[in-house]
Amino acid sequence: KDSSYYHKHSTIMLDSLYRSETYTIFAVLNMIDGDWDPSTSVFINDAAFDAFVTNAREQALYDTGVEVSASDEILTLITCDRKYSDPDGRLIVMAVKQ
């Protein structure tokens, strides 16, 4: 959640048996479960994807300055954040594939 930590750790390395990929974080946000669906993975068009990314940026804890376009692939990580709102708080980290 801390922007100074983000600046030192802005990259996610995702390794599996089938691939290794690098992502750059573009949004870190808190929310209450059910406020918005950050796990959306199918968009009807580029405008819907852009609206999704814009919503994430508007709710972000700070501006990362990382650009995301409709042709990009994104990774969304979601975990509980009881300090934000117990028991329904969530921490979301969203990143764009390099």
PDB file of N, CA and C in Angstrom:
ATOM      1  N   LYS A   1       0.811  -1.199   0.000  1.00  0.00           N
ATOM      2  CA  LYS A   1       0.000   0.000   0.000  1.00  0.00           C
ATOM      3  C   LYS A   1       0.853   1.260   0.000  1.00  0.00           C
ATOM      4  N   ASP A   2       2.055   1.166   0.456  1.00  0.00           N
ATOM      5  CA  ASP A   2       2.944   2.309   0.589  1.00  0.00           C
ATOM      6  C   ASP A   2       3.604   2.619  -0.762  1.00  0.00           C
ATOM      7  N   SER A   3       3.458   3.851  -1.234  1.00  0.00           N
ATOM      8  CA  SER A   3       4.021   4.206  -2.541  1.00  0.00           C
ATOM      9  C   SER A   3       5.541   4.083  -2.585  1.00  0.00           C
ATOM     10  N   SER A   4       6.231   4.312  -1.473  1.00  0.00           N
ATOM     11  CA  SER A   4       7.688   4.161  -1.489  1.00  0.00           C
ATOM     12  C   SER A   4       8.075   2.683  -1.660  1.00  0.00           C
ATOM     13  N   TYR A   5       7.298   1.793  -1.091  1.00  0.00           N
ATOM     14  CA  TYR A   5       7.533   0.356  -1.296  1.00  0.00           C
ATOM     15  C   TYR A   5       7.266  -0.002  -2.761  1.00  0.00           C
ATOM     16  N   TYR A   6       6.187   0.536  -3.322  1.00  0.00           N
ATOM     17  CA  TYR A   6       5.868   0.284  -4.726  1.00  0.00           C
ATOM     18  C   TYR A   6       7.039   0.689  -5.625  1.00  0.00           C
ATOM     19  N   HIS A   7       7.614   1.853  -5.393  1.00  0.00           N
ATOM     20  CA  HIS A   7       8.692   2.337  -6.260  1.00  0.00           C
ATOM     21  C   HIS A   7       9.914   1.426  -6.222  1.00  0.00           C
ATOM     22  N   LYS A   8      10.107   0.697  -5.155  1.00  0.00           N
ATOM     23  CA  LYS A   8      11.218  -0.249  -5.062  1.00  0.00           C
ATOM     24  C   LYS A   8      10.842  -1.642  -5.561  1.00  0.00           C
ATOM     25  N   HIS A   9       9.523  -1.932  -5.654  1.00  0.00           N
ATOM     26  CA  HIS A   9       9.034  -3.267  -5.998  1.00  0.00           C
ATOM     27  C   HIS A   9       7.848  -3.174  -6.959  1.00  0.00           C
ATOM     28  N   SER A  10       8.035  -2.576  -8.099  1.00  0.00           N
ATOM     29  CA  SER A  10       6.932  -2.336  -9.032  1.00  0.00           C
ATOM     30  C   SER A  10       6.727  -3.445 -10.059  1.00  0.00           C
ATOM     31  N   THR A  11       7.537  -4.479  -9.997  1.00  0.00           N
ATOM     32  CA  THR A  11       7.476  -5.557 -10.974  1.00  0.00           C
ATOM     33  C   THR A  11       7.058  -6.875 -10.321  1.00  0.00           C
ATOM     34  N   ILE A  12       6.231  -7.626 -11.035  1.00  0.00           N
ATOM     35  CA  ILE A  12       5.817  -8.959 -10.600  1.00  0.00           C
ATOM     36  C   ILE A  12       6.358  -9.963 -11.606  1.00  0.00           C
ATOM     37  N   MET A  13       7.059 -10.962 -11.113  1.00  0.00           N
ATOM     38  CA  MET A  13       7.547 -12.059 -11.951  1.00  0.00           C
ATOM     39  C   MET A  13       6.621 -13.245 -11.711  1.00  0.00           C
ATOM     40  N   LEU A  14       5.974 -13.726 -12.758  1.00  0.00           N
ATOM     41  CA  LEU A  14       5.061 -14.856 -12.660  1.00  0.00           C
ATOM     42  C   LEU A  14       5.687 -16.049 -13.371  1.00  0.00           C
ATOM     43  N   ASP A  15       6.031 -17.067 -12.612  1.00  0.00           N
ATOM     44  CA  ASP A  15       6.651 -18.270 -13.157  1.00  0.00           C
ATOM     45  C   ASP A  15       5.759 -19.474 -12.909  1.00  0.00           C
ATOM     46  N   SER A  16       5.575 -20.280 -13.941  1.00  0.00           N
ATOM     47  CA  SER A  16       4.832 -21.536 -13.814  1.00  0.00           C
ATOM     48  C   SER A  16       5.563 -22.600 -14.616  1.00  0.00           C
ATOM     49  N   LEU A  17       5.018 -23.785 -14.656  1.00  0.00           N
ATOM     50  CA  LEU A  17       5.620 -24.848 -15.458  1.00  0.00           C
ATOM     51  C   LEU A  17       5.596 -24.515 -16.949  1.00  0.00           C
ATOM     52  N   TYR A  18       4.672 -23.657 -17.351  1.00  0.00           N
ATOM     53  CA  TYR A  18       4.439 -23.413 -18.770  1.00  0.00           C
ATOM     54  C   TYR A  18       4.944 -22.074 -19.283  1.00  0.00           C
ATOM     55  N   ARG A  19       5.218 -21.135 -18.372  1.00  0.00           N
ATOM     56  CA  ARG A  19       5.643 -19.819 -18.842  1.00  0.00           C
ATOM     57  C   ARG A  19       6.258 -18.993 -17.717  1.00  0.00           C
ATOM     58  N   SER A  20       7.022 -18.010 -18.121  1.00  0.00           N
ATOM     59  CA  SER A  20       7.572 -17.012 -17.213  1.00  0.00           C
ATOM     60  C   SER A  20       7.249 -15.650 -17.811  1.00  0.00           C
ATOM     61  N   GLU A  21       6.606 -14.802 -17.021  1.00  0.00           N
ATOM     62  CA  GLU A  21       6.200 -13.498 -17.532  1.00  0.00           C
ATOM     63  C   GLU A  21       6.482 -12.409 -16.503  1.00  0.00           C
ATOM     64  N   THR A  22       6.631 -11.205 -17.010  1.00  0.00           N
ATOM     65  CA  THR A  22       6.893 -10.044 -16.165  1.00  0.00           C
ATOM     66  C   THR A  22       5.745  -9.053 -16.318  1.00  0.00           C
ATOM     67  N   TYR A  23       5.308  -8.512 -15.187  1.00  0.00           N
ATOM     68  CA  TYR A  23       4.230  -7.526 -15.160  1.00  0.00           C
ATOM     69  C   TYR A  23       4.693  -6.308 -14.376  1.00  0.00           C
ATOM     70  N   THR A  24       4.191  -5.136 -14.764  1.00  0.00           N
ATOM     71  CA  THR A  24       4.450  -3.902 -14.036  1.00  0.00           C
ATOM     72  C   THR A  24       3.143  -3.443 -13.390  1.00  0.00           C
ATOM     73  N   ILE A  25       3.196  -3.176 -12.111  1.00  0.00           N
ATOM     74  CA  ILE A  25       2.004  -2.771 -11.370  1.00  0.00           C
ATOM     75  C   ILE A  25       1.548  -1.395 -11.837  1.00  0.00           C
ATOM     76  N   PHE A  26       0.240  -1.279 -12.148  1.00  0.00           N
ATOM     77  CA  PHE A  26      -0.301   0.024 -12.537  1.00  0.00           C
ATOM     78  C   PHE A  26      -1.326   0.560 -11.544  1.00  0.00           C
ATOM     79  N   ALA A  27      -1.837  -0.292 -10.636  1.00  0.00           N
ATOM     80  CA  ALA A  27      -2.801   0.200  -9.642  1.00  0.00           C
ATOM     81  C   ALA A  27      -2.771  -0.682  -8.401  1.00  0.00           C
ATOM     82  N   VAL A  28      -2.812  -0.037  -7.246  1.00  0.00           N
ATOM     83  CA  VAL A  28      -2.938  -0.708  -5.951  1.00  0.00           C
ATOM     84  C   VAL A  28      -4.127  -0.040  -5.272  1.00  0.00           C
ATOM     85  N   LEU A  29      -5.120  -0.832  -4.880  1.00  0.00           N
ATOM     86  CA  LEU A  29      -6.305  -0.232  -4.298  1.00  0.00           C
ATOM     87  C   LEU A  29      -6.912  -1.095  -3.206  1.00  0.00           C
ATOM     88  N   ASN A  30      -7.666  -0.438  -2.348  1.00  0.00           N
ATOM     89  CA  ASN A  30      -8.462  -1.116  -1.327  1.00  0.00           C
ATOM     90  C   ASN A  30      -9.922  -1.003  -1.714  1.00  0.00           C
ATOM     91  N   MET A  31     -10.681  -1.983  -1.337  1.00  0.00           N
ATOM     92  CA  MET A  31     -12.120  -1.933  -1.546  1.00  0.00           C
ATOM     93  C   MET A  31     -12.799  -2.861  -0.563  1.00  0.00           C
ATOM     94  N   ILE A  32     -14.098  -2.750  -0.484  1.00  0.00           N
ATOM     95  CA  ILE A  32     -14.901  -3.674   0.299  1.00  0.00           C
ATOM     96  C   ILE A  32     -15.499  -4.675  -0.666  1.00  0.00           C
ATOM     97  N   ASP A  33     -15.446  -5.939  -0.326  1.00  0.00           N
ATOM     98  CA  ASP A  33     -15.957  -7.012  -1.167  1.00  0.00           C
ATOM     99  C   ASP A  33     -17.364  -6.680  -1.642  1.00  0.00           C
ATOM    100  N   GLY A  34     -17.554  -6.725  -2.938  1.00  0.00           N
ATOM    101  CA  GLY A  34     -18.862  -6.465  -3.521  1.00  0.00           C
ATOM    102  C   GLY A  34     -19.036  -5.064  -4.075  1.00  0.00           C
ATOM    103  N   ASP A  35     -18.114  -4.133  -3.763  1.00  0.00           N
ATOM    104  CA  ASP A  35     -18.225  -2.768  -4.280  1.00  0.00           C
ATOM    105  C   ASP A  35     -18.041  -2.711  -5.796  1.00  0.00           C
ATOM    106  N   TRP A  36     -17.148  -3.538  -6.306  1.00  0.00           N
ATOM    107  CA  TRP A  36     -16.756  -3.511  -7.714  1.00  0.00           C
ATOM    108  C   TRP A  36     -16.123  -4.858  -8.008  1.00  0.00           C
ATOM    109  N   ASP A  37     -16.173  -5.334  -9.236  1.00  0.00           N
ATOM    110  CA  ASP A  37     -15.597  -6.639  -9.556  1.00  0.00           C
ATOM    111  C   ASP A  37     -14.254  -6.475 -10.259  1.00  0.00           C
ATOM    112  N   PRO A  38     -13.164  -6.432  -9.496  1.00  0.00           N
ATOM    113  CA  PRO A  38     -11.848  -6.275 -10.106  1.00  0.00           C
ATOM    114  C   PRO A  38     -11.349  -7.545 -10.793  1.00  0.00           C
ATOM    115  N   SER A  39     -12.082  -8.646 -10.665  1.00  0.00           N
ATOM    116  CA  SER A  39     -11.649  -9.901 -11.291  1.00  0.00           C
ATOM    117  C   SER A  39     -12.268 -10.100 -12.679  1.00  0.00           C
ATOM    118  N   THR A  40     -12.918  -9.085 -13.213  1.00  0.00           N
ATOM    119  CA  THR A  40     -13.495  -9.166 -14.555  1.00  0.00           C
ATOM    120  C   THR A  40     -12.405  -9.559 -15.548  1.00  0.00           C
ATOM    121  N   SER A  41     -12.702 -10.530 -16.410  1.00  0.00           N
ATOM    122  CA  SER A  41     -11.682 -10.971 -17.356  1.00  0.00           C
ATOM    123  C   SER A  41     -12.145 -10.940 -18.811  1.00  0.00           C
ATOM    124  N   VAL A  42     -13.422 -10.715 -19.037  1.00  0.00           N
ATOM    125  CA  VAL A  42     -13.948 -10.659 -20.399  1.00  0.00           C
ATOM    126  C   VAL A  42     -14.615  -9.293 -20.591  1.00  0.00           C
ATOM    127  N   PHE A  43     -14.252  -8.633 -21.679  1.00  0.00           N
ATOM    128  CA  PHE A  43     -14.785  -7.301 -21.974  1.00  0.00           C
ATOM    129  C   PHE A  43     -15.418  -7.328 -23.357  1.00  0.00           C
ATOM    130  N   ILE A  44     -16.562  -6.667 -23.512  1.00  0.00           N
ATOM    131  CA  ILE A  44     -17.286  -6.728 -24.789  1.00  0.00           C
ATOM    132  C   ILE A  44     -16.590  -5.938 -25.898  1.00  0.00           C
ATOM    133  N   ASN A  45     -15.759  -4.960 -25.497  1.00  0.00           N
ATOM    134  CA  ASN A  45     -15.020  -4.183 -26.488  1.00  0.00           C
ATOM    135  C   ASN A  45     -13.892  -3.415 -25.793  1.00  0.00           C
ATOM    136  N   ASP A  46     -13.095  -2.712 -26.595  1.00  0.00           N
ATOM    137  CA  ASP A  46     -11.963  -1.958 -26.050  1.00  0.00           C
ATOM    138  C   ASP A  46     -12.427  -0.863 -25.090  1.00  0.00           C
ATOM    139  N   ALA A  47     -13.568  -0.258 -25.379  1.00  0.00           N
ATOM    140  CA  ALA A  47     -14.081   0.809 -24.504  1.00  0.00           C
ATOM    141  C   ALA A  47     -14.408   0.264 -23.115  1.00  0.00           C
ATOM    142  N   ALA A  48     -14.938  -0.946 -23.046  1.00  0.00           N
ATOM    143  CA  ALA A  48     -15.253  -1.560 -21.750  1.00  0.00           C
ATOM    144  C   ALA A  48     -13.972  -1.858 -20.977  1.00  0.00           C
ATOM    145  N   PHE A  49     -12.945  -2.328 -21.663  1.00  0.00           N
ATOM    146  CA  PHE A  49     -11.653  -2.562 -21.020  1.00  0.00           C
ATOM    147  C   PHE A  49     -11.068  -1.253 -20.501  1.00  0.00           C
ATOM    148  N   ASP A  50     -11.100  -0.207 -21.346  1.00  0.00           N
ATOM    149  CA  ASP A  50     -10.575   1.101 -20.937  1.00  0.00           C
ATOM    150  C   ASP A  50     -11.319   1.637 -19.714  1.00  0.00           C
ATOM    151  N   ALA A  51     -12.640   1.446 -19.670  1.00  0.00           N
ATOM    152  CA  ALA A  51     -13.444   1.896 -18.523  1.00  0.00           C
ATOM    153  C   ALA A  51     -13.045   1.135 -17.262  1.00  0.00           C
ATOM    154  N   PHE A  52     -12.772  -0.152 -17.403  1.00  0.00           N
ATOM    155  CA  PHE A  52     -12.339  -0.987 -16.286  1.00  0.00           C
ATOM    156  C   PHE A  52     -11.007  -0.469 -15.724  1.00  0.00           C
ATOM    157  N   VAL A  53     -10.055  -0.205 -16.611  1.00  0.00           N
ATOM    158  CA  VAL A  53      -8.736   0.302 -16.200  1.00  0.00           C
ATOM    159  C   VAL A  53      -8.879   1.696 -15.581  1.00  0.00           C
ATOM    160  N   THR A  54      -9.700   2.537 -16.171  1.00  0.00           N
ATOM    161  CA  THR A  54      -9.935   3.877 -15.625  1.00  0.00           C
ATOM    162  C   THR A  54     -10.511   3.803 -14.224  1.00  0.00           C
ATOM    163  N   ASN A  55     -11.455   2.911 -14.002  1.00  0.00           N
ATOM    164  CA  ASN A  55     -12.045   2.728 -12.674  1.00  0.00           C
ATOM    165  C   ASN A  55     -10.974   2.313 -11.662  1.00  0.00           C
ATOM    166  N   ALA A  56     -10.111   1.395 -12.060  1.00  0.00           N
ATOM    167  CA  ALA A  56      -9.028   0.962 -11.174  1.00  0.00           C
ATOM    168  C   ALA A  56      -8.115   2.133 -10.832  1.00  0.00           C
ATOM    169  N   ARG A  57      -7.751   2.926 -11.827  1.00  0.00           N
ATOM    170  CA  ARG A  57      -6.875   4.085 -11.599  1.00  0.00           C
ATOM    171  C   ARG A  57      -7.524   5.108 -10.674  1.00  0.00           C
ATOM    172  N   GLU A  58      -8.830   5.325 -10.840  1.00  0.00           N
ATOM    173  CA  GLU A  58      -9.544   6.304 -10.011  1.00  0.00           C
ATOM    174  C   GLU A  58      -9.593   5.868  -8.546  1.00  0.00           C
ATOM    175  N   GLN A  59      -9.639   4.560  -8.305  1.00  0.00           N
ATOM    176  CA  GLN A  59      -9.699   4.049  -6.947  1.00  0.00           C
ATOM    177  C   GLN A  59      -8.317   3.771  -6.348  1.00  0.00           C
ATOM    178  N   ALA A  60      -7.283   3.875  -7.166  1.00  0.00           N
ATOM    179  CA  ALA A  60      -5.922   3.547  -6.723  1.00  0.00           C
ATOM    180  C   ALA A  60      -5.478   4.436  -5.571  1.00  0.00           C
ATOM    181  N   LEU A  61      -4.637   3.878  -4.723  1.00  0.00           N
ATOM    182  CA  LEU A  61      -4.117   4.606  -3.571  1.00  0.00           C
ATOM    183  C   LEU A  61      -3.141   5.706  -3.977  1.00  0.00           C
ATOM    184  N   TYR A  62      -2.508   5.559  -5.169  1.00  0.00           N
ATOM    185  CA  TYR A  62      -1.581   6.557  -5.685  1.00  0.00           C
ATOM    186  C   TYR A  62      -1.416   6.332  -7.182  1.00  0.00           C
ATOM    187  N   ASP A  63      -0.919   7.345  -7.870  1.00  0.00           N
ATOM    188  CA  ASP A  63      -0.709   7.278  -9.316  1.00  0.00           C
ATOM    189  C   ASP A  63       0.646   6.656  -9.600  1.00  0.00           C
ATOM    190  N   THR A  64       0.649   5.568 -10.366  1.00  0.00           N
ATOM    191  CA  THR A  64       1.911   4.907 -10.715  1.00  0.00           C
ATOM    192  C   THR A  64       2.503   5.468 -12.010  1.00  0.00           C
ATOM    193  N   GLY A  65       1.680   6.087 -12.839  1.00  0.00           N
ATOM    194  CA  GLY A  65       2.146   6.611 -14.114  1.00  0.00           C
ATOM    195  C   GLY A  65       2.327   5.542 -15.183  1.00  0.00           C
ATOM    196  N   VAL A  66       1.968   4.292 -14.881  1.00  0.00           N
ATOM    197  CA  VAL A  66       2.122   3.187 -15.835  1.00  0.00           C
ATOM    198  C   VAL A  66       0.947   3.205 -16.815  1.00  0.00           C
ATOM    199  N   GLU A  67       1.261   3.176 -18.104  1.00  0.00           N
ATOM    200  CA  GLU A  67       0.233   3.204 -19.147  1.00  0.00           C
ATOM    201  C   GLU A  67      -0.311   1.804 -19.420  1.00  0.00           C
ATOM    202  N   VAL A  68      -1.604   1.736 -19.715  1.00  0.00           N
ATOM    203  CA  VAL A  68      -2.270   0.486 -20.081  1.00  0.00           C
ATOM    204  C   VAL A  68      -3.156   0.778 -21.282  1.00  0.00           C
ATOM    205  N   SER A  69      -3.067  -0.058 -22.319  1.00  0.00           N
ATOM    206  CA  SER A  69      -3.916   0.116 -23.496  1.00  0.00           C
ATOM    207  C   SER A  69      -4.801  -1.117 -23.670  1.00  0.00           C
ATOM    208  N   ALA A  70      -5.788  -0.994 -24.531  1.00  0.00           N
ATOM    209  CA  ALA A  70      -6.763  -2.070 -24.743  1.00  0.00           C
ATOM    210  C   ALA A  70      -6.116  -3.337 -25.307  1.00  0.00           C
ATOM    211  N   SER A  71      -4.950  -3.231 -25.905  1.00  0.00           N
ATOM    212  CA  SER A  71      -4.282  -4.415 -26.453  1.00  0.00           C
ATOM    213  C   SER A  71      -3.423  -5.136 -25.410  1.00  0.00           C
ATOM    214  N   ASP A  72      -3.312  -4.567 -24.212  1.00  0.00           N
ATOM    215  CA  ASP A  72      -2.479  -5.149 -23.162  1.00  0.00           C
ATOM    216  C   ASP A  72      -3.201  -6.269 -22.415  1.00  0.00           C
ATOM    217  N   GLU A  73      -2.399  -7.133 -21.807  1.00  0.00           N
ATOM    218  CA  GLU A  73      -2.920  -8.150 -20.890  1.00  0.00           C
ATOM    219  C   GLU A  73      -2.625  -7.674 -19.475  1.00  0.00           C
ATOM    220  N   ILE A  74      -3.593  -7.896 -18.577  1.00  0.00           N
ATOM    221  CA  ILE A  74      -3.377  -7.477 -17.199  1.00  0.00           C
ATOM    222  C   ILE A  74      -3.498  -8.664 -16.251  1.00  0.00           C
ATOM    223  N   LEU A  75      -2.870  -8.520 -15.114  1.00  0.00           N
ATOM    224  CA  LEU A  75      -2.903  -9.501 -14.035  1.00  0.00           C
ATOM    225  C   LEU A  75      -3.526  -8.803 -12.836  1.00  0.00           C
ATOM    226  N   THR A  76      -4.509  -9.447 -12.202  1.00  0.00           N
ATOM    227  CA  THR A  76      -5.149  -8.886 -11.017  1.00  0.00           C
ATOM    228  C   THR A  76      -4.972  -9.856  -9.861  1.00  0.00           C
ATOM    229  N   LEU A  77      -4.383  -9.364  -8.778  1.00  0.00           N
ATOM    230  CA  LEU A  77      -4.187 -10.148  -7.565  1.00  0.00           C
ATOM    231  C   LEU A  77      -5.078  -9.562  -6.475  1.00  0.00           C
ATOM    232  N   ILE A  78      -5.837 -10.414  -5.796  1.00  0.00           N
ATOM    233  CA  ILE A  78      -6.769  -9.964  -4.768  1.00  0.00           C
ATOM    234  C   ILE A  78      -6.537 -10.773  -3.502  1.00  0.00           C
ATOM    235  N   THR A  79      -6.459 -10.073  -2.374  1.00  0.00           N
ATOM    236  CA  THR A  79      -6.323 -10.749  -1.091  1.00  0.00           C
ATOM    237  C   THR A  79      -7.154 -10.002  -0.046  1.00  0.00           C
ATOM    238  N   CYS A  80      -7.347 -10.621   1.078  1.00  0.00           N
ATOM    239  CA  CYS A  80      -8.084  -9.979   2.173  1.00  0.00           C
ATOM    240  C   CYS A  80      -7.232  -8.867   2.787  1.00  0.00           C
ATOM    241  N   ASP A  81      -7.898  -7.821   3.238  1.00  0.00           N
ATOM    242  CA  ASP A  81      -7.227  -6.741   3.959  1.00  0.00           C
ATOM    243  C   ASP A  81      -8.125  -6.351   5.127  1.00  0.00           C
ATOM    244  N   ARG A  82      -8.020  -7.106   6.195  1.00  0.00           N
ATOM    245  CA  ARG A  82      -8.870  -6.912   7.367  1.00  0.00           C
ATOM    246  C   ARG A  82      -8.609  -5.556   8.040  1.00  0.00           C
ATOM    247  N   LYS A  83      -7.416  -4.993   7.861  1.00  0.00           N
ATOM    248  CA  LYS A  83      -7.137  -3.673   8.431  1.00  0.00           C
ATOM    249  C   LYS A  83      -7.957  -2.592   7.728  1.00  0.00           C
ATOM    250  N   TYR A  84      -8.277  -2.826   6.466  1.00  0.00           N
ATOM    251  CA  TYR A  84      -9.069  -1.855   5.710  1.00  0.00           C
ATOM    252  C   TYR A  84     -10.534  -1.914   6.130  1.00  0.00           C
ATOM    253  N   SER A  85     -11.076  -3.116   6.188  1.00  0.00           N
ATOM    254  CA  SER A  85     -12.473  -3.290   6.595  1.00  0.00           C
ATOM    255  C   SER A  85     -12.690  -4.749   6.957  1.00  0.00           C
ATOM    256  N   ASP A  86     -12.746  -5.033   8.230  1.00  0.00           N
ATOM    257  CA  ASP A  86     -12.919  -6.408   8.706  1.00  0.00           C
ATOM    258  C   ASP A  86     -14.398  -6.770   8.678  1.00  0.00           C
ATOM    259  N   PRO A  87     -14.830  -7.843   8.081  1.00  0.00           N
ATOM    260  CA  PRO A  87     -14.068  -8.912   7.429  1.00  0.00           C
ATOM    261  C   PRO A  87     -14.050  -8.799   5.908  1.00  0.00           C
ATOM    262  N   ASP A  88     -14.586  -7.704   5.353  1.00  0.00           N
ATOM    263  CA  ASP A  88     -14.802  -7.624   3.909  1.00  0.00           C
ATOM    264  C   ASP A  88     -13.788  -6.788   3.139  1.00  0.00           C
ATOM    265  N   GLY A  89     -12.727  -6.329   3.795  1.00  0.00           N
ATOM    266  CA  GLY A  89     -11.729  -5.515   3.108  1.00  0.00           C
ATOM    267  C   GLY A  89     -10.896  -6.335   2.138  1.00  0.00           C
ATOM    268  N   ARG A  90     -10.574  -5.721   1.022  1.00  0.00           N
ATOM    269  CA  ARG A  90      -9.745  -6.375   0.015  1.00  0.00           C
ATOM    270  C   ARG A  90      -8.623  -5.438  -0.404  1.00  0.00           C
ATOM    271  N   LEU A  91      -7.479  -6.033  -0.723  1.00  0.00           N
ATOM    272  CA  LEU A  91      -6.352  -5.320  -1.329  1.00  0.00           C
ATOM    273  C   LEU A  91      -6.206  -5.886  -2.732  1.00  0.00           C
ATOM    274  N   ILE A  92      -6.194  -5.007  -3.716  1.00  0.00           N
ATOM    275  CA  ILE A  92      -6.087  -5.419  -5.117  1.00  0.00           C
ATOM    276  C   ILE A  92      -4.825  -4.808  -5.710  1.00  0.00           C
ATOM    277  N   VAL A  93      -4.038  -5.641  -6.376  1.00  0.00           N
ATOM    278  CA  VAL A  93      -2.855  -5.187  -7.108  1.00  0.00           C
ATOM    279  C   VAL A  93      -3.083  -5.566  -8.554  1.00  0.00           C
ATOM    280  N   MET A  94      -3.020  -4.565  -9.419  1.00  0.00           N
ATOM    281  CA  MET A  94      -3.246  -4.789 -10.855  1.00  0.00           C
ATOM    282  C   MET A  94      -1.978  -4.430 -11.615  1.00  0.00           C
ATOM    283  N   ALA A  95      -1.605  -5.304 -12.558  1.00  0.00           N
ATOM    284  CA  ALA A  95      -0.349  -5.110 -13.291  1.00  0.00           C
ATOM    285  C   ALA A  95      -0.551  -5.402 -14.766  1.00  0.00           C
ATOM    286  N   VAL A  96       0.254  -4.771 -15.596  1.00  0.00           N
ATOM    287  CA  VAL A  96       0.198  -4.943 -17.036  1.00  0.00           C
ATOM    288  C   VAL A  96       1.390  -5.777 -17.496  1.00  0.00           C
ATOM    289  N   LYS A  97       1.118  -6.700 -18.419  1.00  0.00           N
ATOM    290  CA  LYS A  97       2.174  -7.590 -18.926  1.00  0.00           C
ATOM    291  C   LYS A  97       3.155  -6.799 -19.775  1.00  0.00           C
ATOM    292  N   GLN A  98       4.452  -7.095 -19.563  1.00  0.00           N
ATOM    293  CA  GLN A  98       5.520  -6.431 -20.323  1.00  0.00           C
ATOM    294  C   GLN A  98       5.695  -7.062 -21.673  1.00  0.00           C
TER     295      GLN A  98
END
